[in-house]
């Protein structure tokens, strides 16, 4: 049972690790606009093609990017489902902070009275 509970945290950690790098964020943003090859992605970046491939590997491990093979070409695209664990994480903390802020507002109003 414990392994199932820790699984989402592992996934979230991998997503945060992947998105911590500015180049990976830029690659993911470009892939959000449409499918591209490594060669197409490399355009505009001051990094080598192997470096872009390493960034793509990190994004794939995090579930943020999918690939499609067509002959000798590999096309990459952003996978919207990959961000779902992060959205869940944000929603958990959003409700936490909303509750805390409501309580703080109540305390402040009581202090004014």
PDB file of N, CA and C in Angstrom:
ATOM      1  N   UNK A   1       0.822  -1.202   0.000  1.00  0.00           N
ATOM      2  CA  UNK A   1       0.000   0.000   0.000  1.00  0.00           C
ATOM      3  C   UNK A   1       0.860   1.257   0.000  1.00  0.00           C
ATOM      4  N   UNK A   2       1.929   1.232   0.750  1.00  0.00           N
ATOM      5  CA  UNK A   2       2.804   2.392   0.836  1.00  0.00           C
ATOM      6  C   UNK A   2       3.394   2.744  -0.531  1.00  0.00           C
ATOM      7  N   UNK A   3       3.737   1.740  -1.322  1.00  0.00           N
ATOM      8  CA  UNK A   3       4.301   1.999  -2.644  1.00  0.00           C
ATOM      9  C   UNK A   3       3.319   2.752  -3.532  1.00  0.00           C
ATOM     10  N   UNK A   4       2.034   2.440  -3.427  1.00  0.00           N
ATOM     11  CA  UNK A   4       1.045   3.136  -4.235  1.00  0.00           C
ATOM     12  C   UNK A   4       0.925   4.590  -3.815  1.00  0.00           C
ATOM     13  N   UNK A   5       1.032   4.855  -2.533  1.00  0.00           N
ATOM     14  CA  UNK A   5       0.906   6.229  -2.062  1.00  0.00           C
ATOM     15  C   UNK A   5       2.100   7.069  -2.481  1.00  0.00           C
ATOM     16  N   UNK A   6       3.294   6.475  -2.558  1.00  0.00           N
ATOM     17  CA  UNK A   6       4.476   7.252  -2.911  1.00  0.00           C
ATOM     18  C   UNK A   6       4.617   7.426  -4.420  1.00  0.00           C
ATOM     19  N   UNK A   7       3.937   6.628  -5.214  1.00  0.00           N
ATOM     20  CA  UNK A   7       4.054   6.711  -6.665  1.00  0.00           C
ATOM     21  C   UNK A   7       3.749   8.103  -7.219  1.00  0.00           C
ATOM     22  N   UNK A   8       2.653   8.758  -6.846  1.00  0.00           N
ATOM     23  CA  UNK A   8       2.412  10.105  -7.375  1.00  0.00           C
ATOM     24  C   UNK A   8       3.533  11.077  -7.033  1.00  0.00           C
ATOM     25  N   UNK A   9       4.106  10.973  -5.848  1.00  0.00           N
ATOM     26  CA  UNK A   9       5.197  11.869  -5.467  1.00  0.00           C
ATOM     27  C   UNK A   9       6.414  11.650  -6.355  1.00  0.00           C
ATOM     28  N   UNK A  10       6.679  10.392  -6.726  1.00  0.00           N
ATOM     29  CA  UNK A  10       7.797  10.095  -7.610  1.00  0.00           C
ATOM     30  C   UNK A  10       7.553  10.731  -8.971  1.00  0.00           C
ATOM     31  N   UNK A  11       6.349  10.590  -9.480  1.00  0.00           N
ATOM     32  CA  UNK A  11       6.005  11.174 -10.774  1.00  0.00           C
ATOM     33  C   UNK A  11       6.115  12.693 -10.714  1.00  0.00           C
ATOM     34  N   UNK A  12       5.577  13.307  -9.682  1.00  0.00           N
ATOM     35  CA  UNK A  12       5.656  14.760  -9.539  1.00  0.00           C
ATOM     36  C   UNK A  12       7.108  15.220  -9.465  1.00  0.00           C
ATOM     37  N   UNK A  13       7.929  14.483  -8.735  1.00  0.00           N
ATOM     38  CA  UNK A  13       9.341  14.833  -8.611  1.00  0.00           C
ATOM     39  C   UNK A  13      10.022  14.796  -9.964  1.00  0.00           C
ATOM     40  N   UNK A  14       9.726  13.778 -10.755  1.00  0.00           N
ATOM     41  CA  UNK A  14      10.324  13.654 -12.089  1.00  0.00           C
ATOM     42  C   UNK A  14       9.880  14.809 -12.990  1.00  0.00           C
ATOM     43  N   UNK A  15       8.619  15.213 -12.886  1.00  0.00           N
ATOM     44  CA  UNK A  15       8.119  16.340 -13.681  1.00  0.00           C
ATOM     45  C   UNK A  15       8.822  17.629 -13.258  1.00  0.00           C
ATOM     46  N   UNK A  16       8.900  17.876 -11.951  1.00  0.00           N
ATOM     47  CA  UNK A  16       9.582  19.084 -11.477  1.00  0.00           C
ATOM     48  C   UNK A  16      11.050  19.080 -11.898  1.00  0.00           C
ATOM     49  N   UNK A  17      11.703  17.926 -11.810  1.00  0.00           N
ATOM     50  CA  UNK A  17      13.109  17.825 -12.202  1.00  0.00           C
ATOM     51  C   UNK A  17      13.263  18.163 -13.694  1.00  0.00           C
ATOM     52  N   UNK A  18      12.370  17.637 -14.507  1.00  0.00           N
ATOM     53  CA  UNK A  18      12.437  17.901 -15.951  1.00  0.00           C
ATOM     54  C   UNK A  18      12.196  19.377 -16.258  1.00  0.00           C
ATOM     55  N   UNK A  19      11.244  19.977 -15.566  1.00  0.00           N
ATOM     56  CA  UNK A  19      10.890  21.369 -15.841  1.00  0.00           C
ATOM     57  C   UNK A  19      11.824  22.374 -15.174  1.00  0.00           C
ATOM     58  N   UNK A  20      12.727  21.904 -14.323  1.00  0.00           N
ATOM     59  CA  UNK A  20      13.650  22.813 -13.636  1.00  0.00           C
ATOM     60  C   UNK A  20      14.656  23.432 -14.601  1.00  0.00           C
ATOM     61  N   UNK A  21      14.900  22.762 -15.706  1.00  0.00           N
ATOM     62  CA  UNK A  21      15.884  23.253 -16.664  1.00  0.00           C
ATOM     63  C   UNK A  21      15.224  24.195 -17.675  1.00  0.00           C
ATOM     64  N   UNK A  22      15.759  25.399 -17.862  1.00  0.00           N
ATOM     65  CA  UNK A  22      15.133  26.353 -18.787  1.00  0.00           C
ATOM     66  C   UNK A  22      15.116  25.882 -20.241  1.00  0.00           C
ATOM     67  N   UNK A  23      16.136  25.144 -20.649  1.00  0.00           N
ATOM     68  CA  UNK A  23      16.140  24.640 -22.028  1.00  0.00           C
ATOM     69  C   UNK A  23      15.024  23.628 -22.215  1.00  0.00           C
ATOM     70  N   UNK A  24      14.830  22.739 -21.237  1.00  0.00           N
ATOM     71  CA  UNK A  24      13.736  21.757 -21.343  1.00  0.00           C
ATOM     72  C   UNK A  24      12.377  22.442 -21.367  1.00  0.00           C
ATOM     73  N   UNK A  25      12.221  23.489 -20.565  1.00  0.00           N
ATOM     74  CA  UNK A  25      10.956  24.225 -20.600  1.00  0.00           C
ATOM     75  C   UNK A  25      10.728  24.834 -21.977  1.00  0.00           C
ATOM     76  N   UNK A  26      11.788  25.382 -22.566  1.00  0.00           N
ATOM     77  CA  UNK A  26      11.671  25.983 -23.899  1.00  0.00           C
ATOM     78  C   UNK A  26      11.358  24.919 -24.953  1.00  0.00           C
ATOM     79  N   UNK A  27      11.990  23.759 -24.849  1.00  0.00           N
ATOM     80  CA  UNK A  27      11.710  22.660 -25.782  1.00  0.00           C
ATOM     81  C   UNK A  27      10.259  22.237 -25.649  1.00  0.00           C
ATOM     82  N   UNK A  28       9.800  22.059 -24.424  1.00  0.00           N
ATOM     83  CA  UNK A  28       8.409  21.648 -24.196  1.00  0.00           C
ATOM     84  C   UNK A  28       7.439  22.686 -24.746  1.00  0.00           C
ATOM     85  N   UNK A  29       7.756  23.949 -24.555  1.00  0.00           N
ATOM     86  CA  UNK A  29       6.896  25.012 -25.085  1.00  0.00           C
ATOM     87  C   UNK A  29       6.825  24.959 -26.613  1.00  0.00           C
ATOM     88  N   UNK A  30       7.960  24.739 -27.246  1.00  0.00           N
ATOM     89  CA  UNK A  30       7.969  24.627 -28.709  1.00  0.00           C
ATOM     90  C   UNK A  30       7.194  23.409 -29.181  1.00  0.00           C
ATOM     91  N   UNK A  31       7.302  22.308 -28.451  1.00  0.00           N
ATOM     92  CA  UNK A  31       6.562  21.105 -28.833  1.00  0.00           C
ATOM     93  C   UNK A  31       5.061  21.271 -28.601  1.00  0.00           C
ATOM     94  N   UNK A  32       4.699  22.168 -27.727  1.00  0.00           N
ATOM     95  CA  UNK A  32       3.288  22.461 -27.506  1.00  0.00           C
ATOM     96  C   UNK A  32       2.632  23.090 -28.723  1.00  0.00           C
ATOM     97  N   UNK A  33       3.443  23.662 -29.589  1.00  0.00           N
ATOM     98  CA  UNK A  33       2.932  24.292 -30.809  1.00  0.00           C
ATOM     99  C   UNK A  33       2.829  23.315 -31.967  1.00  0.00           C
ATOM    100  N   UNK A  34       3.413  22.126 -31.801  1.00  0.00           N
ATOM    101  CA  UNK A  34       3.331  21.125 -32.851  1.00  0.00           C
ATOM    102  C   UNK A  34       4.502  20.169 -32.835  1.00  0.00           C
ATOM    103  N   UNK A  35       4.342  19.100 -33.552  1.00  0.00           N
ATOM    104  CA  UNK A  35       5.323  18.023 -33.644  1.00  0.00           C
ATOM    105  C   UNK A  35       6.581  18.487 -34.378  1.00  0.00           C
ATOM    106  N   UNK A  36       7.753  18.057 -33.875  1.00  0.00           N
ATOM    107  CA  UNK A  36       9.021  18.436 -34.497  1.00  0.00           C
ATOM    108  C   UNK A  36      10.045  17.320 -34.337  1.00  0.00           C
ATOM    109  N   UNK A  37      11.029  17.304 -35.233  1.00  0.00           N
ATOM    110  CA  UNK A  37      12.166  16.393 -35.107  1.00  0.00           C
ATOM    111  C   UNK A  37      13.221  17.057 -34.228  1.00  0.00           C
ATOM    112  N   UNK A  38      14.233  16.279 -33.841  1.00  0.00           N
ATOM    113  CA  UNK A  38      15.331  16.839 -33.048  1.00  0.00           C
ATOM    114  C   UNK A  38      16.020  17.954 -33.831  1.00  0.00           C
ATOM    115  N   UNK A  39      16.228  17.732 -35.110  1.00  0.00           N
ATOM    116  CA  UNK A  39      16.887  18.740 -35.956  1.00  0.00           C
ATOM    117  C   UNK A  39      16.085  20.037 -35.970  1.00  0.00           C
ATOM    118  N   UNK A  40      14.772  19.930 -36.114  1.00  0.00           N
ATOM    119  CA  UNK A  40      13.924  21.128 -36.105  1.00  0.00           C
ATOM    120  C   UNK A  40      13.956  21.805 -34.743  1.00  0.00           C
ATOM    121  N   UNK A  41      13.945  21.010 -33.679  1.00  0.00           N
ATOM    122  CA  UNK A  41      13.978  21.571 -32.322  1.00  0.00           C
ATOM    123  C   UNK A  41      15.286  22.298 -32.036  1.00  0.00           C
ATOM    124  N   UNK A  42      16.375  21.780 -32.569  1.00  0.00           N
ATOM    125  CA  UNK A  42      17.688  22.360 -32.300  1.00  0.00           C
ATOM    126  C   UNK A  42      17.803  23.783 -32.842  1.00  0.00           C
ATOM    127  N   UNK A  43      17.087  24.102 -33.899  1.00  0.00           N
ATOM    128  CA  UNK A  43      17.133  25.430 -34.490  1.00  0.00           C
ATOM    129  C   UNK A  43      16.768  26.479 -33.441  1.00  0.00           C
ATOM    130  N   UNK A  44      17.648  27.438 -33.278  1.00  0.00           N
ATOM    131  CA  UNK A  44      17.389  28.514 -32.328  1.00  0.00           C
ATOM    132  C   UNK A  44      17.989  28.278 -30.949  1.00  0.00           C
ATOM    133  N   UNK A  45      18.500  27.078 -30.703  1.00  0.00           N
ATOM    134  CA  UNK A  45      19.145  26.783 -29.420  1.00  0.00           C
ATOM    135  C   UNK A  45      20.657  26.747 -29.619  1.00  0.00           C
ATOM    136  N   UNK A  46      21.386  27.226 -28.656  1.00  0.00           N
ATOM    137  CA  UNK A  46      22.849  27.219 -28.715  1.00  0.00           C
ATOM    138  C   UNK A  46      23.395  25.954 -28.062  1.00  0.00           C
ATOM    139  N   UNK A  47      22.784  24.821 -28.376  1.00  0.00           N
ATOM    140  CA  UNK A  47      23.236  23.531 -27.851  1.00  0.00           C
ATOM    141  C   UNK A  47      23.311  22.535 -28.998  1.00  0.00           C
ATOM    142  N   UNK A  48      24.044  21.466 -28.772  1.00  0.00           N
ATOM    143  CA  UNK A  48      24.225  20.451 -29.806  1.00  0.00           C
ATOM    144  C   UNK A  48      22.982  19.575 -29.951  1.00  0.00           C
ATOM    145  N   UNK A  49      22.936  18.842 -31.044  1.00  0.00           N
ATOM    146  CA  UNK A  49      21.820  17.920 -31.260  1.00  0.00           C
ATOM    147  C   UNK A  49      21.789  16.831 -30.179  1.00  0.00           C
ATOM    148  N   UNK A  50      22.953  16.267 -29.770  1.00  0.00           N
ATOM    149  CA  UNK A  50      22.910  15.290 -28.672  1.00  0.00           C
ATOM    150  C   UNK A  50      22.371  15.895 -27.366  1.00  0.00           C
ATOM    151  N   UNK A  51      22.661  17.169 -27.123  1.00  0.00           N
ATOM    152  CA  UNK A  51      22.139  17.820 -25.913  1.00  0.00           C
ATOM    153  C   UNK A  51      20.618  17.935 -25.983  1.00  0.00           C
ATOM    154  N   UNK A  52      20.088  18.292 -27.146  1.00  0.00           N
ATOM    155  CA  UNK A  52      18.632  18.357 -27.314  1.00  0.00           C
ATOM    156  C   UNK A  52      18.033  16.972 -27.092  1.00  0.00           C
ATOM    157  N   UNK A  53      18.708  15.939 -27.618  1.00  0.00           N
ATOM    158  CA  UNK A  53      18.228  14.564 -27.423  1.00  0.00           C
ATOM    159  C   UNK A  53      18.202  14.193 -25.940  1.00  0.00           C
ATOM    160  N   UNK A  54      19.192  14.631 -25.181  1.00  0.00           N
ATOM    161  CA  UNK A  54      19.206  14.372 -23.733  1.00  0.00           C
ATOM    162  C   UNK A  54      18.057  15.093 -23.034  1.00  0.00           C
ATOM    163  N   UNK A  55      17.793  16.320 -23.447  1.00  0.00           N
ATOM    164  CA  UNK A  55      16.668  17.059 -22.872  1.00  0.00           C
ATOM    165  C   UNK A  55      15.351  16.351 -23.202  1.00  0.00           C
ATOM    166  N   UNK A  56      15.221  15.879 -24.420  1.00  0.00           N
ATOM    167  CA  UNK A  56      14.012  15.149 -24.814  1.00  0.00           C
ATOM    168  C   UNK A  56      13.857  13.865 -24.004  1.00  0.00           C
ATOM    169  N   UNK A  57      14.967  13.189 -23.733  1.00  0.00           N
ATOM    170  CA  UNK A  57      14.916  11.961 -22.929  1.00  0.00           C
ATOM    171  C   UNK A  57      14.395  12.264 -21.528  1.00  0.00           C
ATOM    172  N   UNK A  58      14.849  13.360 -20.940  1.00  0.00           N
ATOM    173  CA  UNK A  58      14.371  13.744 -19.605  1.00  0.00           C
ATOM    174  C   UNK A  58      12.879  14.073 -19.640  1.00  0.00           C
ATOM    175  N   UNK A  59      12.446  14.765 -20.681  1.00  0.00           N
ATOM    176  CA  UNK A  59      11.025  15.103 -20.820  1.00  0.00           C
ATOM    177  C   UNK A  59      10.180  13.848 -21.053  1.00  0.00           C
ATOM    178  N   UNK A  60      10.715  12.886 -21.796  1.00  0.00           N
ATOM    179  CA  UNK A  60      10.004  11.612 -22.013  1.00  0.00           C
ATOM    180  C   UNK A  60       9.884  10.833 -20.712  1.00  0.00           C
ATOM    181  N   UNK A  61      10.972  10.749 -19.943  1.00  0.00           N
ATOM    182  CA  UNK A  61      10.939  10.035 -18.648  1.00  0.00           C
ATOM    183  C   UNK A  61       9.880  10.630 -17.726  1.00  0.00           C
ATOM    184  N   UNK A  62       9.711  11.940 -17.802  1.00  0.00           N
ATOM    185  CA  UNK A  62       8.716  12.620 -16.960  1.00  0.00           C
ATOM    186  C   UNK A  62       7.307  12.485 -17.528  1.00  0.00           C
ATOM    187  N   UNK A  63       7.183  11.925 -18.720  1.00  0.00           N
ATOM    188  CA  UNK A  63       5.861  11.742 -19.322  1.00  0.00           C
ATOM    189  C   UNK A  63       5.316  12.993 -19.998  1.00  0.00           C
ATOM    190  N   UNK A  64       6.178  13.965 -20.241  1.00  0.00           N
ATOM    191  CA  UNK A  64       5.738  15.230 -20.817  1.00  0.00           C
ATOM    192  C   UNK A  64       5.809  15.263 -22.341  1.00  0.00           C
ATOM    193  N   UNK A  65       6.537  14.305 -22.921  1.00  0.00           N
ATOM    194  CA  UNK A  65       6.758  14.272 -24.360  1.00  0.00           C
ATOM    195  C   UNK A  65       6.541  12.856 -24.878  1.00  0.00           C
ATOM    196  N   UNK A  66       5.959  12.754 -26.066  1.00  0.00           N
ATOM    197  CA  UNK A  66       5.777  11.476 -26.773  1.00  0.00           C
ATOM    198  C   UNK A  66       6.578  11.529 -28.062  1.00  0.00           C
ATOM    199  N   UNK A  67       6.897  10.358 -28.574  1.00  0.00           N
ATOM    200  CA  UNK A  67       7.589  10.306 -29.857  1.00  0.00           C
ATOM    201  C   UNK A  67       6.833   9.412 -30.826  1.00  0.00           C
ATOM    202  N   UNK A  68       7.018   9.713 -32.111  1.00  0.00           N
ATOM    203  CA  UNK A  68       6.409   8.926 -33.185  1.00  0.00           C
ATOM    204  C   UNK A  68       7.492   8.702 -34.232  1.00  0.00           C
ATOM    205  N   UNK A  69       7.673   7.447 -34.603  1.00  0.00           N
ATOM    206  CA  UNK A  69       8.686   7.109 -35.609  1.00  0.00           C
ATOM    207  C   UNK A  69       8.017   6.966 -36.969  1.00  0.00           C
ATOM    208  N   UNK A  70       8.647   7.580 -37.966  1.00  0.00           N
ATOM    209  CA  UNK A  70       8.193   7.473 -39.350  1.00  0.00           C
ATOM    210  C   UNK A  70       9.433   7.261 -40.209  1.00  0.00           C
ATOM    211  N   UNK A  71       9.689   6.008 -40.578  1.00  0.00           N
ATOM    212  CA  UNK A  71      10.914   5.700 -41.306  1.00  0.00           C
ATOM    213  C   UNK A  71      12.115   5.951 -40.423  1.00  0.00           C
ATOM    214  N   UNK A  72      13.053   6.721 -40.910  1.00  0.00           N
ATOM    215  CA  UNK A  72      14.244   7.022 -40.105  1.00  0.00           C
ATOM    216  C   UNK A  72      14.083   8.283 -39.264  1.00  0.00           C
ATOM    217  N   UNK A  73      12.941   8.912 -39.341  1.00  0.00           N
ATOM    218  CA  UNK A  73      12.690  10.144 -38.583  1.00  0.00           C
ATOM    219  C   UNK A  73      11.905   9.847 -37.302  1.00  0.00           C
ATOM    220  N   UNK A  74      12.236  10.605 -36.280  1.00  0.00           N
ATOM    221  CA  UNK A  74      11.500  10.531 -35.017  1.00  0.00           C
ATOM    222  C   UNK A  74      10.908  11.910 -34.773  1.00  0.00           C
ATOM    223  N   UNK A  75       9.602  11.939 -34.566  1.00  0.00           N
ATOM    224  CA  UNK A  75       8.889  13.196 -34.320  1.00  0.00           C
ATOM    225  C   UNK A  75       8.464  13.235 -32.856  1.00  0.00           C
ATOM    226  N   UNK A  76       8.653  14.383 -32.240  1.00  0.00           N
ATOM    227  CA  UNK A  76       8.311  14.576 -30.832  1.00  0.00           C
ATOM    228  C   UNK A  76       7.165  15.566 -30.719  1.00  0.00           C
ATOM    229  N   UNK A  77       6.341  15.327 -29.709  1.00  0.00           N
ATOM    230  CA  UNK A  77       5.248  16.266 -29.427  1.00  0.00           C
ATOM    231  C   UNK A  77       5.001  16.279 -27.925  1.00  0.00           C
ATOM    232  N   UNK A  78       4.459  17.372 -27.452  1.00  0.00           N
ATOM    233  CA  UNK A  78       4.097  17.480 -26.039  1.00  0.00           C
ATOM    234  C   UNK A  78       2.921  16.549 -25.762  1.00  0.00           C
ATOM    235  N   UNK A  79       2.944  15.918 -24.605  1.00  0.00           N
ATOM    236  CA  UNK A  79       1.850  15.036 -24.195  1.00  0.00           C
ATOM    237  C   UNK A  79       1.076  15.732 -23.086  1.00  0.00           C
ATOM    238  N   UNK A  80      -0.099  16.294 -23.394  1.00  0.00           N
ATOM    239  CA  UNK A  80      -0.864  17.028 -22.382  1.00  0.00           C
ATOM    240  C   UNK A  80      -1.209  16.195 -21.150  1.00  0.00           C
ATOM    241  N   UNK A  81      -1.364  14.886 -21.319  1.00  0.00           N
ATOM    242  CA  UNK A  81      -1.686  14.027 -20.170  1.00  0.00           C
ATOM    243  C   UNK A  81      -0.530  13.968 -19.179  1.00  0.00           C
ATOM    244  N   UNK A  82       0.678  14.230 -19.646  1.00  0.00           N
ATOM    245  CA  UNK A  82       1.845  14.158 -18.776  1.00  0.00           C
ATOM    246  C   UNK A  82       1.853  15.195 -17.672  1.00  0.00           C
ATOM    247  N   UNK A  83       1.159  16.281 -17.867  1.00  0.00           N
ATOM    248  CA  UNK A  83       1.137  17.359 -16.873  1.00  0.00           C
ATOM    249  C   UNK A  83       0.071  17.120 -15.795  1.00  0.00           C
ATOM    250  N   UNK A  84      -0.793  16.138 -15.989  1.00  0.00           N
ATOM    251  CA  UNK A  84      -1.900  15.874 -15.053  1.00  0.00           C
ATOM    252  C   UNK A  84      -1.435  15.698 -13.606  1.00  0.00           C
ATOM    253  N   UNK A  85      -0.367  14.931 -13.328  1.00  0.00           N
ATOM    254  CA  UNK A  85       0.058  14.818 -11.923  1.00  0.00           C
ATOM    255  C   UNK A  85       0.440  16.157 -11.305  1.00  0.00           C
ATOM    256  N   UNK A  86       1.017  17.029 -12.111  1.00  0.00           N
ATOM    257  CA  UNK A  86       1.401  18.350 -11.611  1.00  0.00           C
ATOM    258  C   UNK A  86       0.169  19.195 -11.320  1.00  0.00           C
ATOM    259  N   UNK A  87      -0.832  19.081 -12.168  1.00  0.00           N
ATOM    260  CA  UNK A  87      -2.084  19.808 -11.937  1.00  0.00           C
ATOM    261  C   UNK A  87      -2.730  19.330 -10.644  1.00  0.00           C
ATOM    262  N   UNK A  88      -2.718  18.015 -10.423  1.00  0.00           N
ATOM    263  CA  UNK A  88      -3.244  17.476  -9.163  1.00  0.00           C
ATOM    264  C   UNK A  88      -2.492  18.013  -7.962  1.00  0.00           C
ATOM    265  N   UNK A  89      -1.175  18.110  -8.074  1.00  0.00           N
ATOM    266  CA  UNK A  89      -0.352  18.632  -6.989  1.00  0.00           C
ATOM    267  C   UNK A  89      -0.720  20.087  -6.696  1.00  0.00           C
ATOM    268  N   UNK A  90      -0.863  20.884  -7.747  1.00  0.00           N
ATOM    269  CA  UNK A  90      -1.223  22.294  -7.592  1.00  0.00           C
ATOM    270  C   UNK A  90      -2.605  22.421  -6.954  1.00  0.00           C
ATOM    271  N   UNK A  91      -3.556  21.599  -7.391  1.00  0.00           N
ATOM    272  CA  UNK A  91      -4.908  21.660  -6.831  1.00  0.00           C
ATOM    273  C   UNK A  91      -4.922  21.331  -5.347  1.00  0.00           C
ATOM    274  N   UNK A  92      -4.101  20.350  -4.919  1.00  0.00           N
ATOM    275  CA  UNK A  92      -4.028  20.016  -3.483  1.00  0.00           C
ATOM    276  C   UNK A  92      -3.569  21.220  -2.677  1.00  0.00           C
ATOM    277  N   UNK A  93      -2.537  21.896  -3.163  1.00  0.00           N
ATOM    278  CA  UNK A  93      -2.016  23.043  -2.429  1.00  0.00           C
ATOM    279  C   UNK A  93      -2.901  24.267  -2.570  1.00  0.00           C
ATOM    280  N   UNK A  94      -3.602  24.368  -3.669  1.00  0.00           N
ATOM    281  CA  UNK A  94      -4.521  25.495  -3.855  1.00  0.00           C
ATOM    282  C   UNK A  94      -5.610  25.452  -2.785  1.00  0.00           C
ATOM    283  N   UNK A  95      -6.198  24.290  -2.547  1.00  0.00           N
ATOM    284  CA  UNK A  95      -7.241  24.192  -1.525  1.00  0.00           C
ATOM    285  C   UNK A  95      -6.644  24.409  -0.135  1.00  0.00           C
ATOM    286  N   UNK A  96      -5.426  23.914   0.088  1.00  0.00           N
ATOM    287  CA  UNK A  96      -4.751  24.118   1.364  1.00  0.00           C
ATOM    288  C   UNK A  96      -4.596  25.608   1.651  1.00  0.00           C
ATOM    289  N   UNK A  97      -4.073  26.364   0.681  1.00  0.00           N
ATOM    290  CA  UNK A  97      -3.844  27.789   0.895  1.00  0.00           C
ATOM    291  C   UNK A  97      -5.148  28.571   0.947  1.00  0.00           C
ATOM    292  N   UNK A  98      -6.131  28.156   0.164  1.00  0.00           N
ATOM    293  CA  UNK A  98      -7.430  28.839   0.220  1.00  0.00           C
ATOM    294  C   UNK A  98      -8.011  28.733   1.629  1.00  0.00           C
ATOM    295  N   UNK A  99      -7.971  27.540   2.218  1.00  0.00           N
ATOM    296  CA  UNK A  99      -8.469  27.343   3.579  1.00  0.00           C
ATOM    297  C   UNK A  99      -7.673  28.175   4.577  1.00  0.00           C
ATOM    298  N   UNK A 100      -6.368  28.186   4.437  1.00  0.00           N
ATOM    299  CA  UNK A 100      -5.512  28.953   5.354  1.00  0.00           C
ATOM    300  C   UNK A 100      -5.797  30.453   5.249  1.00  0.00           C
ATOM    301  N   UNK A 101      -5.961  30.940   4.039  1.00  0.00           N
ATOM    302  CA  UNK A 101      -6.233  32.364   3.866  1.00  0.00           C
ATOM    303  C   UNK A 101      -7.601  32.754   4.413  1.00  0.00           C
ATOM    304  N   UNK A 102      -8.582  31.870   4.265  1.00  0.00           N
ATOM    305  CA  UNK A 102      -9.901  32.145   4.839  1.00  0.00           C
ATOM    306  C   UNK A 102      -9.812  32.233   6.358  1.00  0.00           C
ATOM    307  N   UNK A 103      -9.057  31.322   6.964  1.00  0.00           N
ATOM    308  CA  UNK A 103      -8.895  31.359   8.427  1.00  0.00           C
ATOM    309  C   UNK A 103      -8.164  32.630   8.852  1.00  0.00           C
ATOM    310  N   UNK A 104      -7.142  33.015   8.097  1.00  0.00           N
ATOM    311  CA  UNK A 104      -6.416  34.241   8.418  1.00  0.00           C
ATOM    312  C   UNK A 104      -7.344  35.444   8.320  1.00  0.00           C
ATOM    313  N   UNK A 105      -8.193  35.481   7.315  1.00  0.00           N
ATOM    314  CA  UNK A 105      -9.145  36.582   7.158  1.00  0.00           C
ATOM    315  C   UNK A 105     -10.071  36.651   8.356  1.00  0.00           C
ATOM    316  N   UNK A 106     -10.551  35.481   8.809  1.00  0.00           N
ATOM    317  CA  UNK A 106     -11.432  35.438   9.984  1.00  0.00           C
ATOM    318  C   UNK A 106     -10.732  35.959  11.224  1.00  0.00           C
ATOM    319  N   UNK A 107      -9.481  35.548  11.414  1.00  0.00           N
ATOM    320  CA  UNK A 107      -8.713  36.004  12.586  1.00  0.00           C
ATOM    321  C   UNK A 107      -8.516  37.517  12.527  1.00  0.00           C
ATOM    322  N   UNK A 108      -8.186  38.026  11.365  1.00  0.00           N
ATOM    323  CA  UNK A 108      -7.972  39.467  11.225  1.00  0.00           C
ATOM    324  C   UNK A 108      -9.257  40.257  11.484  1.00  0.00           C
ATOM    325  N   UNK A 109     -10.376  39.729  11.036  1.00  0.00           N
ATOM    326  CA  UNK A 109     -11.654  40.402  11.293  1.00  0.00           C
ATOM    327  C   UNK A 109     -11.983  40.399  12.771  1.00  0.00           C
ATOM    328  N   UNK A 110     -11.701  39.276  13.440  1.00  0.00           N
ATOM    329  CA  UNK A 110     -11.918  39.201  14.898  1.00  0.00           C
ATOM    330  C   UNK A 110     -11.034  40.190  15.638  1.00  0.00           C
ATOM    331  N   UNK A 111      -9.821  40.385  15.174  1.00  0.00           N
ATOM    332  CA  UNK A 111      -8.895  41.318  15.823  1.00  0.00           C
ATOM    333  C   UNK A 111      -9.382  42.759  15.650  1.00  0.00           C
ATOM    334  N   UNK A 112     -10.030  43.061  14.527  1.00  0.00           N
ATOM    335  CA  UNK A 112     -10.540  44.400  14.282  1.00  0.00           C
ATOM    336  C   UNK A 112     -11.735  44.723  15.166  1.00  0.00           C
ATOM    337  N   UNK A 113     -12.459  43.720  15.599  1.00  0.00           N
ATOM    338  CA  UNK A 113     -13.694  43.944  16.387  1.00  0.00           C
ATOM    339  C   UNK A 113     -13.422  44.305  17.800  1.00  0.00           C
TER     340      UNK A 113
END
